[in-house]
PDB file of N, CA and C in Angstrom:
ATOM      1  N   MET A   1      11.027   9.557   4.722  1.00  0.00           N
ATOM      2  CA  MET A   1       9.977   8.846   5.427  1.00  0.00           C
ATOM      3  C   MET A   1      10.310   7.350   5.459  1.00  0.00           C
ATOM      4  N   GLU A   2      10.308   6.772   6.618  1.00  0.00           N
ATOM      5  CA  GLU A   2      10.592   5.346   6.753  1.00  0.00           C
ATOM      6  C   GLU A   2       9.295   4.567   6.624  1.00  0.00           C
ATOM      7  N   LEU A   3       9.312   3.552   5.777  1.00  0.00           N
ATOM      8  CA  LEU A   3       8.113   2.738   5.579  1.00  0.00           C
ATOM      9  C   LEU A   3       8.026   1.665   6.644  1.00  0.00           C
ATOM     10  N   ARG A   4       6.841   1.517   7.178  1.00  0.00           N
ATOM     11  CA  ARG A   4       6.606   0.445   8.145  1.00  0.00           C
ATOM     12  C   ARG A   4       6.276  -0.834   7.389  1.00  0.00           C
ATOM     13  N   GLU A   5       6.432  -1.958   8.072  1.00  0.00           N
ATOM     14  CA  GLU A   5       6.118  -3.248   7.441  1.00  0.00           C
ATOM     15  C   GLU A   5       4.632  -3.362   7.121  1.00  0.00           C
ATOM     16  N   VAL A   6       3.774  -2.854   8.010  1.00  0.00           N
ATOM     17  CA  VAL A   6       2.332  -2.890   7.757  1.00  0.00           C
ATOM     18  C   VAL A   6       1.875  -1.470   7.443  1.00  0.00           C
ATOM     19  N   MET A   7       1.254  -1.317   6.281  1.00  0.00           N
ATOM     20  CA  MET A   7       0.841   0.008   5.808  1.00  0.00           C
ATOM     21  C   MET A   7      -0.673   0.092   5.695  1.00  0.00           C
ATOM     22  N   ASN A   8      -1.184   1.311   5.855  1.00  0.00           N
ATOM     23  CA  ASN A   8      -2.606   1.544   5.616  1.00  0.00           C
ATOM     24  C   ASN A   8      -2.810   1.917   4.145  1.00  0.00           C
ATOM     25  N   ILE A   9      -4.038   2.199   3.784  1.00  0.00           N
ATOM     26  CA  ILE A   9      -4.352   2.530   2.380  1.00  0.00           C
ATOM     27  C   ILE A   9      -3.516   3.709   1.872  1.00  0.00           C
ATOM     28  N   ARG A  10      -3.456   4.778   2.644  1.00  0.00           N
ATOM     29  CA  ARG A  10      -2.729   5.980   2.203  1.00  0.00           C
ATOM     30  C   ARG A  10      -1.253   5.677   2.001  1.00  0.00           C
ATOM     31  N   GLU A  11      -0.644   4.989   2.969  1.00  0.00           N
ATOM     32  CA  GLU A  11       0.776   4.666   2.854  1.00  0.00           C
ATOM     33  C   GLU A  11       1.046   3.733   1.677  1.00  0.00           C
ATOM     34  N   ALA A  12       0.195   2.727   1.504  1.00  0.00           N
ATOM     35  CA  ALA A  12       0.383   1.779   0.401  1.00  0.00           C
ATOM     36  C   ALA A  12       0.155   2.455  -0.948  1.00  0.00           C
ATOM     37  N   SER A  13      -0.809   3.348  -1.030  1.00  0.00           N
ATOM     38  CA  SER A  13      -1.049   4.023  -2.311  1.00  0.00           C
ATOM     39  C   SER A  13       0.139   4.911  -2.670  1.00  0.00           C
ATOM     40  N   ASN A  14       0.719   5.584  -1.682  1.00  0.00           N
ATOM     41  CA  ASN A  14       1.928   6.380  -1.939  1.00  0.00           C
ATOM     42  C   ASN A  14       3.085   5.485  -2.354  1.00  0.00           C
ATOM     43  N   TYR A  15       3.253   4.377  -1.669  1.00  0.00           N
ATOM     44  CA  TYR A  15       4.345   3.445  -1.957  1.00  0.00           C
ATOM     45  C   TYR A  15       4.235   2.882  -3.372  1.00  0.00           C
ATOM     46  N   LEU A  16       3.009   2.533  -3.771  1.00  0.00           N
ATOM     47  CA  LEU A  16       2.795   1.927  -5.087  1.00  0.00           C
ATOM     48  C   LEU A  16       2.621   2.956  -6.199  1.00  0.00           C
ATOM     49  N   GLY A  17       2.370   4.206  -5.839  1.00  0.00           N
ATOM     50  CA  GLY A  17       2.189   5.249  -6.848  1.00  0.00           C
ATOM     51  C   GLY A  17       0.836   5.197  -7.526  1.00  0.00           C
ATOM     52  N   VAL A  18      -0.176   4.746  -6.799  1.00  0.00           N
ATOM     53  CA  VAL A  18      -1.544   4.732  -7.325  1.00  0.00           C
ATOM     54  C   VAL A  18      -2.446   5.459  -6.336  1.00  0.00           C
ATOM     55  N   SER A  19      -3.604   5.877  -6.789  1.00  0.00           N
ATOM     56  CA  SER A  19      -4.523   6.579  -5.907  1.00  0.00           C
ATOM     57  C   SER A  19      -5.169   5.601  -4.927  1.00  0.00           C
ATOM     58  N   PRO A  20      -5.628   6.110  -3.783  1.00  0.00           N
ATOM     59  CA  PRO A  20      -6.360   5.240  -2.857  1.00  0.00           C
ATOM     60  C   PRO A  20      -7.579   4.591  -3.523  1.00  0.00           C
ATOM     61  N   ASP A  21      -8.275   5.319  -4.405  1.00  0.00           N
ATOM     62  CA  ASP A  21      -9.429   4.742  -5.114  1.00  0.00           C
ATOM     63  C   ASP A  21      -9.021   3.545  -5.958  1.00  0.00           C
ATOM     64  N   THR A  22      -7.895   3.657  -6.651  1.00  0.00           N
ATOM     65  CA  THR A  22      -7.394   2.547  -7.457  1.00  0.00           C
ATOM     66  C   THR A  22      -7.059   1.357  -6.564  1.00  0.00           C
ATOM     67  N   LEU A  23      -6.442   1.636  -5.428  1.00  0.00           N
ATOM     68  CA  LEU A  23      -6.083   0.572  -4.502  1.00  0.00           C
ATOM     69  C   LEU A  23      -7.322  -0.144  -3.974  1.00  0.00           C
ATOM     70  N   TYR A  24      -8.358   0.609  -3.619  1.00  0.00           N
ATOM     71  CA  TYR A  24      -9.618  -0.010  -3.185  1.00  0.00           C
ATOM     72  C   TYR A  24     -10.200  -0.890  -4.291  1.00  0.00           C
ATOM     73  N   ARG A  25     -10.134  -0.415  -5.537  1.00  0.00           N
ATOM     74  CA  ARG A  25     -10.651  -1.207  -6.665  1.00  0.00           C
ATOM     75  C   ARG A  25      -9.864  -2.507  -6.801  1.00  0.00           C
ATOM     76  N   TYR A  26      -8.539  -2.425  -6.697  1.00  0.00           N
ATOM     77  CA  TYR A  26      -7.705  -3.631  -6.761  1.00  0.00           C
ATOM     78  C   TYR A  26      -8.081  -4.613  -5.650  1.00  0.00           C
ATOM     79  N   ILE A  27      -8.356  -4.101  -4.455  1.00  0.00           N
ATOM     80  CA  ILE A  27      -8.742  -4.969  -3.332  1.00  0.00           C
ATOM     81  C   ILE A  27     -10.035  -5.701  -3.662  1.00  0.00           C
ATOM     82  N   TYR A  28     -11.038  -4.944  -4.081  1.00  0.00           N
ATOM     83  CA  TYR A  28     -12.351  -5.553  -4.309  1.00  0.00           C
ATOM     84  C   TYR A  28     -12.385  -6.438  -5.548  1.00  0.00           C
ATOM     85  N   GLU A  29     -11.439  -6.229  -6.474  1.00  0.00           N
ATOM     86  CA  GLU A  29     -11.320  -7.116  -7.638  1.00  0.00           C
ATOM     87  C   GLU A  29     -10.369  -8.274  -7.334  1.00  0.00           C
ATOM     88  N   ASP A  30      -9.882  -8.344  -6.098  1.00  0.00           N
ATOM     89  CA  ASP A  30      -8.968  -9.401  -5.661  1.00  0.00           C
ATOM     90  C   ASP A  30      -7.692  -9.424  -6.498  1.00  0.00           C
ATOM     91  N   ARG A  31      -7.186  -8.234  -6.822  1.00  0.00           N
ATOM     92  CA  ARG A  31      -5.989  -8.122  -7.656  1.00  0.00           C
ATOM     93  C   ARG A  31      -4.729  -7.829  -6.857  1.00  0.00           C
ATOM     94  N   ILE A  32      -4.891  -7.517  -5.562  1.00  0.00           N
ATOM     95  CA  ILE A  32      -3.736  -7.148  -4.756  1.00  0.00           C
ATOM     96  C   ILE A  32      -3.865  -7.794  -3.376  1.00  0.00           C
ATOM     97  N   PRO A  33      -2.763  -8.260  -2.788  1.00  0.00           N
ATOM     98  CA  PRO A  33      -2.848  -8.884  -1.466  1.00  0.00           C
ATOM     99  C   PRO A  33      -3.049  -7.841  -0.366  1.00  0.00           C
ATOM    100  N   ALA A  34      -4.129  -7.989   0.378  1.00  0.00           N
ATOM    101  CA  ALA A  34      -4.441  -7.073   1.479  1.00  0.00           C
ATOM    102  C   ALA A  34      -5.200  -7.854   2.539  1.00  0.00           C
ATOM    103  N   PHE A  35      -5.254  -7.305   3.728  1.00  0.00           N
ATOM    104  CA  PHE A  35      -6.024  -7.942   4.797  1.00  0.00           C
ATOM    105  C   PHE A  35      -6.679  -6.866   5.644  1.00  0.00           C
ATOM    106  N   LYS A  36      -7.725  -7.256   6.328  1.00  0.00           N
ATOM    107  CA  LYS A  36      -8.425  -6.312   7.190  1.00  0.00           C
ATOM    108  C   LYS A  36      -7.979  -6.511   8.629  1.00  0.00           C
ATOM    109  N   LEU A  37      -7.703  -5.416   9.279  1.00  0.00           N
ATOM    110  CA  LEU A  37      -7.402  -5.391  10.700  1.00  0.00           C
ATOM    111  C   LEU A  37      -8.483  -4.510  11.310  1.00  0.00           C
ATOM    112  N   GLY A  38      -9.405  -5.128  12.018  1.00  0.00           N
ATOM    113  CA  GLY A  38     -10.603  -4.391  12.428  1.00  0.00           C
ATOM    114  C   GLY A  38     -11.405  -4.096  11.178  1.00  0.00           C
ATOM    115  N   ASN A  39     -11.718  -2.837  10.960  1.00  0.00           N
ATOM    116  CA  ASN A  39     -12.458  -2.479   9.739  1.00  0.00           C
ATOM    117  C   ASN A  39     -11.584  -1.725   8.746  1.00  0.00           C
ATOM    118  N   ARG A  40     -10.272  -1.795   8.903  1.00  0.00           N
ATOM    119  CA  ARG A  40      -9.345  -1.076   8.027  1.00  0.00           C
ATOM    120  C   ARG A  40      -8.504  -2.037   7.198  1.00  0.00           C
ATOM    121  N   TRP A  41      -8.325  -1.699   5.927  1.00  0.00           N
ATOM    122  CA  TRP A  41      -7.471  -2.495   5.060  1.00  0.00           C
ATOM    123  C   TRP A  41      -6.016  -2.206   5.371  1.00  0.00           C
ATOM    124  N   LYS A  42      -5.209  -3.259   5.386  1.00  0.00           N
ATOM    125  CA  LYS A  42      -3.773  -3.147   5.646  1.00  0.00           C
ATOM    126  C   LYS A  42      -3.002  -3.932   4.593  1.00  0.00           C
ATOM    127  N   PHE A  43      -1.738  -3.572   4.429  1.00  0.00           N
ATOM    128  CA  PHE A  43      -0.856  -4.195   3.441  1.00  0.00           C
ATOM    129  C   PHE A  43       0.492  -4.440   4.084  1.00  0.00           C
ATOM    130  N   LYS A  44       1.063  -5.622   3.830  1.00  0.00           N
ATOM    131  CA  LYS A  44       2.419  -5.904   4.299  1.00  0.00           C
ATOM    132  C   LYS A  44       3.393  -5.532   3.195  1.00  0.00           C
ATOM    133  N   LYS A  45       4.387  -4.720   3.542  1.00  0.00           N
ATOM    134  CA  LYS A  45       5.346  -4.240   2.554  1.00  0.00           C
ATOM    135  C   LYS A  45       6.052  -5.394   1.847  1.00  0.00           C
ATOM    136  N   THR A  46       6.488  -6.403   2.585  1.00  0.00           N
ATOM    137  CA  THR A  46       7.215  -7.507   1.947  1.00  0.00           C
ATOM    138  C   THR A  46       6.321  -8.244   0.950  1.00  0.00           C
ATOM    139  N   ILE A  47       5.046  -8.387   1.260  1.00  0.00           N
ATOM    140  CA  ILE A  47       4.123  -9.063   0.340  1.00  0.00           C
ATOM    141  C   ILE A  47       3.864  -8.189  -0.890  1.00  0.00           C
ATOM    142  N   LEU A  48       3.726  -6.874  -0.685  1.00  0.00           N
ATOM    143  CA  LEU A  48       3.558  -5.971  -1.832  1.00  0.00           C
ATOM    144  C   LEU A  48       4.790  -6.000  -2.725  1.00  0.00           C
ATOM    145  N   ASP A  49       5.968  -6.059  -2.120  1.00  0.00           N
ATOM    146  CA  ASP A  49       7.205  -6.123  -2.917  1.00  0.00           C
ATOM    147  C   ASP A  49       7.228  -7.372  -3.786  1.00  0.00           C
ATOM    148  N   ARG A  50       6.837  -8.525  -3.218  1.00  0.00           N
ATOM    149  CA  ARG A  50       6.789  -9.775  -4.001  1.00  0.00           C
ATOM    150  C   ARG A  50       5.729  -9.680  -5.097  1.00  0.00           C
ATOM    151  N   TRP A  51       4.588  -9.074  -4.772  1.00  0.00           N
ATOM    152  CA  TRP A  51       3.504  -8.900  -5.741  1.00  0.00           C
ATOM    153  C   TRP A  51       3.993  -8.063  -6.932  1.00  0.00           C
ATOM    154  N   MET A  52       4.696  -6.954  -6.633  1.00  0.00           N
ATOM    155  CA  MET A  52       5.219  -6.100  -7.710  1.00  0.00           C
ATOM    156  C   MET A  52       6.262  -6.846  -8.529  1.00  0.00           C
ATOM    157  N   GLU A  53       7.103  -7.617  -7.869  1.00  0.00           N
ATOM    158  CA  GLU A  53       8.132  -8.393  -8.574  1.00  0.00           C
ATOM    159  C   GLU A  53       7.488  -9.372  -9.553  1.00  0.00           C
ATOM    160  N   ARG A  54       6.433 -10.067  -9.117  1.00  0.00           N
ATOM    161  CA  ARG A  54       5.733 -10.992 -10.016  1.00  0.00           C
ATOM    162  C   ARG A  54       5.112 -10.251 -11.191  1.00  0.00           C
ATOM    163  N   LYS A  55       4.579  -9.058 -10.949  1.00  0.00           N
ATOM    164  CA  LYS A  55       3.994  -8.264 -12.030  1.00  0.00           C
ATOM    165  C   LYS A  55       5.070  -7.893 -13.055  1.00  0.00           C
ATOM    166  N   MET A  56       6.247  -7.507 -12.577  1.00  0.00           N
ATOM    167  CA  MET A  56       7.326  -7.121 -13.489  1.00  0.00           C
ATOM    168  C   MET A  56       7.788  -8.308 -14.320  1.00  0.00           C
ATOM    169  N   VAL A  57       7.871  -9.487 -13.709  1.00  0.00           N
ATOM    170  CA  VAL A  57       8.287 -10.693 -14.436  1.00  0.00           C
ATOM    171  C   VAL A  57       7.279 -10.991 -15.549  1.00  0.00           C
ATOM    172  N   ARG A  58       5.990 -10.893 -15.242  1.00  0.00           N
ATOM    173  CA  ARG A  58       4.954 -11.162 -16.255  1.00  0.00           C
ATOM    174  C   ARG A  58       5.051 -10.183 -17.418  1.00  0.00           C
ATOM    175  N   VAL A  59       5.319  -8.912 -17.118  1.00  0.00           N
ATOM    176  CA  VAL A  59       5.431  -7.901 -18.180  1.00  0.00           C
ATOM    177  C   VAL A  59       6.634  -8.209 -19.067  1.00  0.00           C
ATOM    178  N   ARG A  60       7.755  -8.569 -18.440  1.00  0.00           N
ATOM    179  CA  ARG A  60       8.957  -8.901 -19.222  1.00  0.00           C
ATOM    180  C   ARG A  60       8.715 -10.095 -20.125  1.00  0.00           C
ATOM    181  N   LYS A  61       8.047 -11.130 -19.593  1.00  0.00           N
ATOM    182  CA  LYS A  61       7.759 -12.328 -20.394  1.00  0.00           C
ATOM    183  C   LYS A  61       6.820 -11.995 -21.531  1.00  0.00           C
ATOM    184  N   ALA A  62       5.813 -11.169 -21.285  1.00  0.00           N
ATOM    185  CA  ALA A  62       4.854 -10.803 -22.316  1.00  0.00           C
ATOM    186  C   ALA A  62       5.516 -10.005 -23.431  1.00  0.00           C
ATOM    187  N   ARG A  63       6.483  -9.177 -23.079  1.00  0.00           N
ATOM    188  CA  ARG A  63       7.186  -8.374 -24.098  1.00  0.00           C
ATOM    189  C   ARG A  63       8.045  -9.239 -25.004  1.00  0.00           C
ATOM    190  N   ARG A  64       8.581 -10.328 -24.438  1.00  0.00           N
ATOM    191  CA  ARG A  64       9.439 -11.215 -25.222  1.00  0.00           C
ATOM    192  C   ARG A  64       8.634 -12.124 -26.134  1.00  0.00           C
ATOM    193  N   ALA A  65       7.394 -12.359 -25.807  1.00  0.00           N
ATOM    194  CA  ALA A  65       6.559 -13.295 -26.573  1.00  0.00           C
ATOM    195  C   ALA A  65       6.189 -12.736 -27.923  1.00  0.00           C
TER     196      ALA A  65
END
């Protein structure tokens, strides 16, 4: 399956390995970058990749501390 640059909730949840419910919670807690197109939440793959990279860096730093 080829990933598109802009993903919907289902595609982003599969990509990130979390449930759609978890993804909605992250959105409403302002924990993940997302935007609305019409009345649907969307995610840019490149932005999600950077978001995950920052999360991994924080985990590595916390483990070393």
